[in-house]
Amino acid sequence: MPKTKEERTERRARQQQLRKSRNSQGCDKLIGIYETHIVPRMNDIDGERRKELIKHSLELVKTLETVLRCSDASIKETRLQELSDLLRERYYKNKEEEMEGVKRSITPRPPFTVILEMGQRTLQGNEQNLQQWLQTVYRESRLQNNKENPLSARVFCRVYRQAGSERKYWGANVGAFRFNKPLVNQYVENLKQAHFHKDVNDALNSVQNDTITQTVDLPERVGCSAFKYGDGNNVFKNFKTVAPCKRCKLMYPGVIFDPDHPSTFRYDKLYPWGRCAEHYAVSKFLHDTD
């Protein structure tokens, strides 16, 4: 560990430069995925789904702008400006004010959450295709030397009705390396402000270390399965199932988790509360049942 003030300053400068470089590369990778896999499908989709995809596209621009601001990187260092110009030319020609108004109305979610939503819109809820989509995105988003994208989500989960309903509610964790902690905090606050259900937010706000004073009561029995495609610099051939952390077990007492863990399984203290994939998936379920 650096001991002198000069050494600490130099170390912080190196970390800042690394964060800037990796976040810029991460943005480029996600833009490439959008251009390769989403844009060609846009012409085959019409109606409300097309409108939603266009809005998700603007959200992707806005969320990547957040990434670059948090890491002091320049938009000009990435392909983000080109993407913004493409959307303006294709969907908002001579409608600059409308485009900016839509962007202002968006509270951006984490980049991989937006990518997940786009996959759901284009694949129309086909679970097997959606899993293949997530695996493709995870693999193609990796940086040079097979490094994990600091903007990627590592864990995804689905919440589903126990009564045999085909409807699934998907969520992704707020993924980022620990040197991106300010960015994680920003996205967690965005999700709590505009996307999480009130009951989930109330439970999140009741957390104090290992205790939760308010849990989420679901209107019916639901199941939850979580899985991941990679771990650090390893990429899995297929997804691996993962169990919930201790806090999710406490927060959602009525959920049937598969797989499960004993209550001694702890949460990761390195990341802020609100990062788990379960929160967004449960929120979607609750919004749908309101």
Protein backbone atom coordinates (compact mmCIF):
# COMPACT_ATOMS: atom_id res chain seq x y z
CA MET A 1 0.00 0.00 0.00
CA PRO A 2 1.29 3.53 -0.78
CA LYS A 3 2.55 5.28 2.34
CA THR A 4 3.42 8.84 1.40
CA LYS A 5 1.04 11.53 0.21
CA GLU A 6 2.77 11.59 -3.16
CA GLU A 7 2.40 7.83 -3.55
CA ARG A 8 -1.29 7.96 -2.66
CA THR A 9 -1.86 10.78 -5.15
CA GLU A 10 -0.06 8.85 -7.87
CA ARG A 11 -2.07 5.71 -7.10
CA ARG A 12 -5.37 7.62 -7.31
CA ALA A 13 -4.31 9.11 -10.65
CA ARG A 14 -3.55 5.62 -12.03
CA GLN A 15 -6.90 4.32 -10.81
CA GLN A 16 -8.70 7.26 -12.38
CA GLN A 17 -6.97 6.70 -15.71
CA LEU A 18 -7.79 2.98 -15.58
CA ARG A 19 -11.44 3.72 -14.81
CA LYS A 20 -11.60 6.24 -17.64
CA SER A 21 -10.04 3.84 -20.13
CA ARG A 22 -12.14 0.81 -19.20
CA ASN A 23 -15.39 2.72 -19.03
CA SER A 24 -14.73 4.24 -22.47
CA GLN A 25 -13.98 0.78 -23.88
CA GLY A 26 -17.07 -0.59 -22.16
CA CYS A 27 -19.25 2.06 -23.79
CA ASP A 28 -17.84 1.24 -27.22
CA LYS A 29 -18.55 -2.47 -26.72
CA LEU A 30 -22.19 -1.89 -25.75
CA ILE A 31 -22.71 0.48 -28.66
CA GLY A 32 -21.29 -2.18 -30.98
CA ILE A 33 -23.74 -4.74 -29.59
CA TYR A 34 -26.62 -2.32 -30.15
CA GLU A 35 -25.56 -1.63 -33.74
CA THR A 36 -24.99 -5.31 -34.54
CA HIS A 37 -27.98 -6.94 -32.87
CA ILE A 38 -30.69 -4.29 -32.31
CA VAL A 39 -30.55 -1.87 -35.25
CA PRO A 40 -31.08 -4.59 -37.95
CA ARG A 41 -34.25 -5.75 -36.16
CA MET A 42 -35.78 -2.31 -35.78
CA ASN A 43 -37.23 -2.30 -39.31
CA ASP A 44 -39.10 -5.56 -38.59
CA ILE A 45 -40.86 -4.12 -35.54
CA ASP A 46 -43.69 -1.61 -35.55
CA GLY A 47 -46.32 -0.15 -33.27
CA GLU A 48 -45.80 0.27 -29.54
CA ARG A 49 -42.84 -2.11 -29.43
CA ARG A 50 -40.99 0.05 -31.95
CA LYS A 51 -41.73 3.20 -29.91
CA GLU A 52 -40.43 1.48 -26.78
CA LEU A 53 -37.26 0.36 -28.57
CA ILE A 54 -36.60 3.90 -29.79
CA LYS A 55 -37.03 5.17 -26.23
CA HIS A 56 -34.69 2.44 -24.93
CA SER A 57 -32.18 3.57 -27.56
CA LEU A 58 -32.26 7.12 -26.19
CA GLU A 59 -31.98 5.68 -22.68
CA LEU A 60 -28.85 3.79 -23.74
CA VAL A 61 -27.34 7.07 -24.94
CA LYS A 62 -28.23 8.81 -21.68
CA THR A 63 -26.98 6.01 -19.44
CA LEU A 64 -23.65 5.86 -21.28
CA GLU A 65 -23.34 9.63 -20.95
CA THR A 66 -23.70 9.06 -17.18
CA VAL A 67 -20.89 6.50 -17.34
CA LEU A 68 -18.56 8.92 -19.09
CA ARG A 69 -19.35 11.82 -16.75
CA CYS A 70 -18.66 9.67 -13.67
CA SER A 71 -15.29 8.64 -15.07
CA ASP A 72 -14.31 12.04 -16.54
CA ALA A 73 -14.09 10.51 -20.00
CA SER A 74 -14.96 12.44 -23.13
CA ILE A 75 -17.88 11.50 -25.36
CA LYS A 76 -15.57 12.21 -28.29
CA GLU A 77 -13.34 9.33 -27.12
CA THR A 78 -16.15 6.85 -27.81
CA ARG A 79 -18.71 6.13 -30.54
CA LEU A 80 -21.47 7.59 -28.41
CA GLN A 81 -21.82 10.79 -30.42
CA GLU A 82 -22.16 8.74 -33.61
CA LEU A 83 -24.96 6.72 -31.99
CA SER A 84 -26.76 9.87 -30.88
CA ASP A 85 -26.47 11.33 -34.39
CA LEU A 86 -27.81 8.07 -35.88
CA LEU A 87 -30.91 8.17 -33.67
CA ARG A 88 -31.48 11.84 -34.47
CA GLU A 89 -31.22 11.25 -38.21
CA ARG A 90 -33.30 8.08 -38.29
CA TYR A 91 -36.08 8.75 -35.78
CA TYR A 92 -36.05 12.44 -34.87
CA LYS A 93 -35.22 14.25 -38.09
CA ASN A 94 -36.25 17.90 -37.68
CA LYS A 95 -37.52 16.99 -34.18
CA GLU A 96 -34.51 17.99 -32.08
CA GLU A 97 -36.61 19.44 -29.25
CA GLU A 98 -38.79 16.34 -29.07
CA MET A 99 -35.72 14.10 -28.88
CA GLU A 100 -34.16 16.18 -26.10
CA GLY A 101 -37.50 16.24 -24.26
CA VAL A 102 -37.72 12.45 -24.31
CA LYS A 103 -34.14 12.18 -23.07
CA ARG A 104 -34.83 14.59 -20.21
CA SER A 105 -37.84 12.52 -19.13
CA ILE A 106 -35.74 9.36 -18.78
CA THR A 107 -34.19 8.31 -15.47
CA PRO A 108 -31.48 6.02 -16.84
CA ARG A 109 -31.04 2.48 -15.62
CA PRO A 110 -27.72 0.59 -15.72
CA PRO A 111 -26.52 -0.15 -19.28
CA PHE A 112 -27.03 -3.90 -19.11
CA THR A 113 -30.56 -3.44 -17.78
CA VAL A 114 -31.37 -1.37 -20.88
CA ILE A 115 -29.80 -4.05 -23.09
CA LEU A 116 -31.91 -6.68 -21.29
CA GLU A 117 -35.09 -4.69 -21.97
CA MET A 118 -34.19 -4.37 -25.66
CA GLY A 119 -33.72 -8.12 -25.89
CA GLN A 120 -37.13 -8.71 -24.34
CA ARG A 121 -38.76 -6.32 -26.81
CA THR A 122 -37.15 -7.85 -29.90
CA LEU A 123 -37.44 -11.49 -28.82
CA GLN A 124 -41.03 -11.16 -27.57
CA GLY A 125 -40.45 -12.95 -24.29
CA ASN A 126 -39.04 -16.21 -25.69
CA GLU A 127 -37.06 -17.40 -22.66
CA GLN A 128 -34.58 -19.64 -24.45
CA ASN A 129 -33.77 -16.94 -27.02
CA LEU A 130 -33.48 -14.35 -24.25
CA GLN A 131 -30.95 -16.48 -22.39
CA GLN A 132 -28.95 -16.91 -25.59
CA TRP A 133 -29.15 -13.13 -26.09
CA LEU A 134 -27.82 -12.45 -22.59
CA GLN A 135 -24.99 -14.91 -23.09
CA THR A 136 -24.09 -13.35 -26.45
CA VAL A 137 -24.11 -9.85 -24.95
CA TYR A 138 -21.97 -10.94 -22.01
CA ARG A 139 -19.38 -12.52 -24.29
CA GLU A 140 -19.27 -9.74 -26.88
CA SER A 141 -19.02 -6.98 -24.29
CA ARG A 142 -15.69 -8.17 -22.89
CA LEU A 143 -12.71 -5.89 -23.28
CA GLN A 144 -9.19 -6.48 -24.61
CA ASN A 145 -7.35 -9.48 -23.20
CA ASN A 146 -10.74 -10.99 -22.25
CA LYS A 147 -11.19 -8.53 -19.36
CA GLU A 148 -14.69 -8.22 -17.95
CA ASN A 149 -16.62 -5.14 -19.02
CA PRO A 150 -16.92 -2.90 -15.92
CA LEU A 151 -20.43 -1.93 -17.08
CA SER A 152 -21.68 -5.51 -17.39
CA ALA A 153 -24.22 -7.30 -15.22
CA ARG A 154 -22.94 -10.64 -14.00
CA VAL A 155 -26.14 -12.02 -12.46
CA PHE A 156 -29.64 -12.20 -14.00
CA CYS A 157 -32.80 -13.55 -12.42
CA ARG A 158 -36.38 -14.38 -13.32
CA VAL A 159 -39.38 -14.21 -11.05
CA TYR A 160 -42.39 -16.30 -12.03
CA ARG A 161 -45.83 -17.22 -10.71
CA GLN A 162 -46.09 -20.59 -9.01
CA ALA A 163 -49.53 -21.19 -10.48
CA GLY A 164 -48.03 -22.18 -13.83
CA SER A 165 -48.18 -18.84 -15.61
CA GLU A 166 -45.89 -18.44 -18.60
CA ARG A 167 -45.15 -14.83 -17.64
CA LYS A 168 -41.59 -14.22 -16.41
CA TYR A 169 -40.18 -11.02 -14.93
CA TRP A 170 -36.49 -10.53 -15.63
CA GLY A 171 -33.93 -8.42 -13.80
CA ALA A 172 -30.18 -7.83 -13.86
CA ASN A 173 -27.83 -6.85 -11.07
CA VAL A 174 -26.23 -3.40 -11.10
CA GLY A 175 -22.93 -4.58 -12.50
CA ALA A 176 -19.62 -2.78 -12.17
CA PHE A 177 -16.17 -3.30 -10.75
CA ARG A 178 -15.58 -1.86 -7.32
CA PHE A 179 -13.57 1.06 -8.73
CA ASN A 180 -16.86 2.11 -10.30
CA LYS A 181 -18.59 2.35 -6.92
CA PRO A 182 -19.82 5.96 -7.43
CA LEU A 183 -21.45 4.85 -10.68
CA VAL A 184 -23.11 1.89 -8.94
CA ASN A 185 -24.45 4.23 -6.26
CA GLN A 186 -25.85 6.55 -8.95
CA TYR A 187 -27.66 3.74 -10.75
CA VAL A 188 -29.06 2.28 -7.52
CA GLU A 189 -30.51 5.69 -6.67
CA ASN A 190 -31.98 5.99 -10.18
CA LEU A 191 -33.63 2.57 -9.86
CA LYS A 192 -35.03 3.42 -6.43
CA GLN A 193 -36.29 6.79 -7.66
CA ALA A 194 -38.04 5.73 -10.86
CA HIS A 195 -38.11 1.96 -11.38
CA PHE A 196 -38.30 -0.06 -8.17
CA HIS A 197 -41.73 -0.72 -6.69
CA LYS A 198 -42.62 1.27 -3.54
CA ASP A 199 -42.72 -1.87 -1.38
CA VAL A 200 -39.21 -2.82 -2.53
CA ASN A 201 -37.95 0.70 -1.84
CA ASP A 202 -39.52 0.71 1.63
CA ALA A 203 -37.79 -2.56 2.44
CA LEU A 204 -34.47 -1.32 1.04
CA ASN A 205 -34.69 1.81 3.16
CA SER A 206 -35.26 -0.30 6.28
CA VAL A 207 -31.93 -2.12 5.95
CA GLN A 208 -29.41 -1.61 8.74
CA ASN A 209 -26.38 -3.86 8.44
CA ASP A 210 -27.73 -7.41 8.95
CA THR A 211 -31.26 -6.42 9.93
CA ILE A 212 -34.34 -5.60 7.86
CA THR A 213 -37.31 -4.10 9.68
CA GLN A 214 -39.70 -4.23 6.72
CA THR A 215 -40.16 -7.10 4.29
CA VAL A 216 -41.98 -7.32 0.94
CA ASP A 217 -45.34 -9.10 1.10
CA LEU A 218 -46.24 -10.58 -2.28
CA PRO A 219 -49.88 -11.09 -3.31
CA GLU A 220 -49.19 -14.72 -4.22
CA ARG A 221 -46.49 -17.37 -4.07
CA VAL A 222 -43.78 -16.77 -6.65
CA GLY A 223 -40.54 -18.49 -7.56
CA CYS A 224 -37.17 -16.92 -8.31
CA SER A 225 -34.17 -18.35 -10.13
CA ALA A 226 -30.90 -16.48 -10.58
CA PHE A 227 -27.94 -17.34 -12.81
CA LYS A 228 -24.72 -15.89 -14.16
CA TYR A 229 -22.61 -16.30 -17.28
CA GLY A 230 -19.19 -15.39 -15.98
CA ASP A 231 -17.00 -14.83 -12.96
CA GLY A 232 -14.11 -12.40 -13.18
CA ASN A 233 -12.05 -13.23 -16.26
CA ASN A 234 -13.77 -16.61 -16.74
CA VAL A 235 -16.57 -16.98 -19.28
CA PHE A 236 -18.92 -19.91 -18.72
CA LYS A 237 -20.02 -22.04 -21.65
CA ASN A 238 -23.55 -22.06 -20.21
CA PHE A 239 -25.17 -20.15 -17.38
CA LYS A 240 -24.65 -21.27 -13.77
CA THR A 241 -27.41 -20.97 -11.22
CA VAL A 242 -26.69 -18.95 -8.09
CA ALA A 243 -28.51 -18.72 -4.77
CA PRO A 244 -29.81 -15.50 -3.17
CA CYS A 245 -27.84 -13.53 -0.63
CA LYS A 246 -28.93 -13.42 3.00
CA ARG A 247 -30.60 -10.04 2.64
CA CYS A 248 -32.79 -11.13 -0.28
CA LYS A 249 -33.85 -14.18 1.74
CA LEU A 250 -34.91 -11.88 4.56
CA MET A 251 -36.50 -9.24 2.34
CA TYR A 252 -38.63 -11.65 0.29
CA PRO A 253 -39.82 -14.29 2.80
CA GLY A 254 -42.64 -15.52 0.53
CA VAL A 255 -40.43 -16.21 -2.48
CA ILE A 256 -39.43 -19.78 -3.33
CA PHE A 257 -35.78 -19.49 -4.36
CA ASP A 258 -34.27 -22.10 -6.67
CA PRO A 259 -31.48 -22.80 -5.94
CA ASP A 260 -31.46 -21.90 -2.27
CA HIS A 261 -28.93 -21.45 0.53
CA PRO A 262 -29.08 -21.68 4.30
CA SER A 263 -29.69 -18.37 6.03
CA THR A 264 -25.98 -18.12 6.90
CA PHE A 265 -25.13 -17.23 3.28
CA ARG A 266 -24.04 -13.60 3.54
CA TYR A 267 -24.28 -10.66 1.17
CA ASP A 268 -21.30 -9.00 -0.47
CA LYS A 269 -20.29 -6.06 1.72
CA LEU A 270 -18.15 -4.52 -1.01
CA TYR A 271 -21.17 -3.25 -2.91
CA PRO A 272 -24.01 -0.94 -1.89
CA TRP A 273 -27.36 -2.37 -0.94
CA GLY A 274 -29.80 -2.34 -3.84
CA ARG A 275 -27.44 -3.98 -6.33
CA CYS A 276 -29.10 -7.43 -6.47
CA ALA A 277 -30.90 -8.63 -9.60
CA GLU A 278 -33.89 -9.78 -7.51
CA HIS A 279 -35.06 -6.24 -6.69
CA TYR A 280 -35.84 -5.20 -10.25
CA ALA A 281 -37.49 -8.52 -11.17
CA VAL A 282 -39.71 -8.47 -8.06
CA SER A 283 -40.53 -4.80 -8.74
CA LYS A 284 -41.75 -5.69 -12.23
CA PHE A 285 -43.95 -8.45 -10.80
CA LEU A 286 -45.45 -6.08 -8.23
CA HIS A 287 -46.05 -3.32 -10.79
CA ASP A 288 -47.89 -5.86 -12.95
CA THR A 289 -50.13 -6.97 -10.08
CA ASP A 290 -51.02 -3.47 -8.81
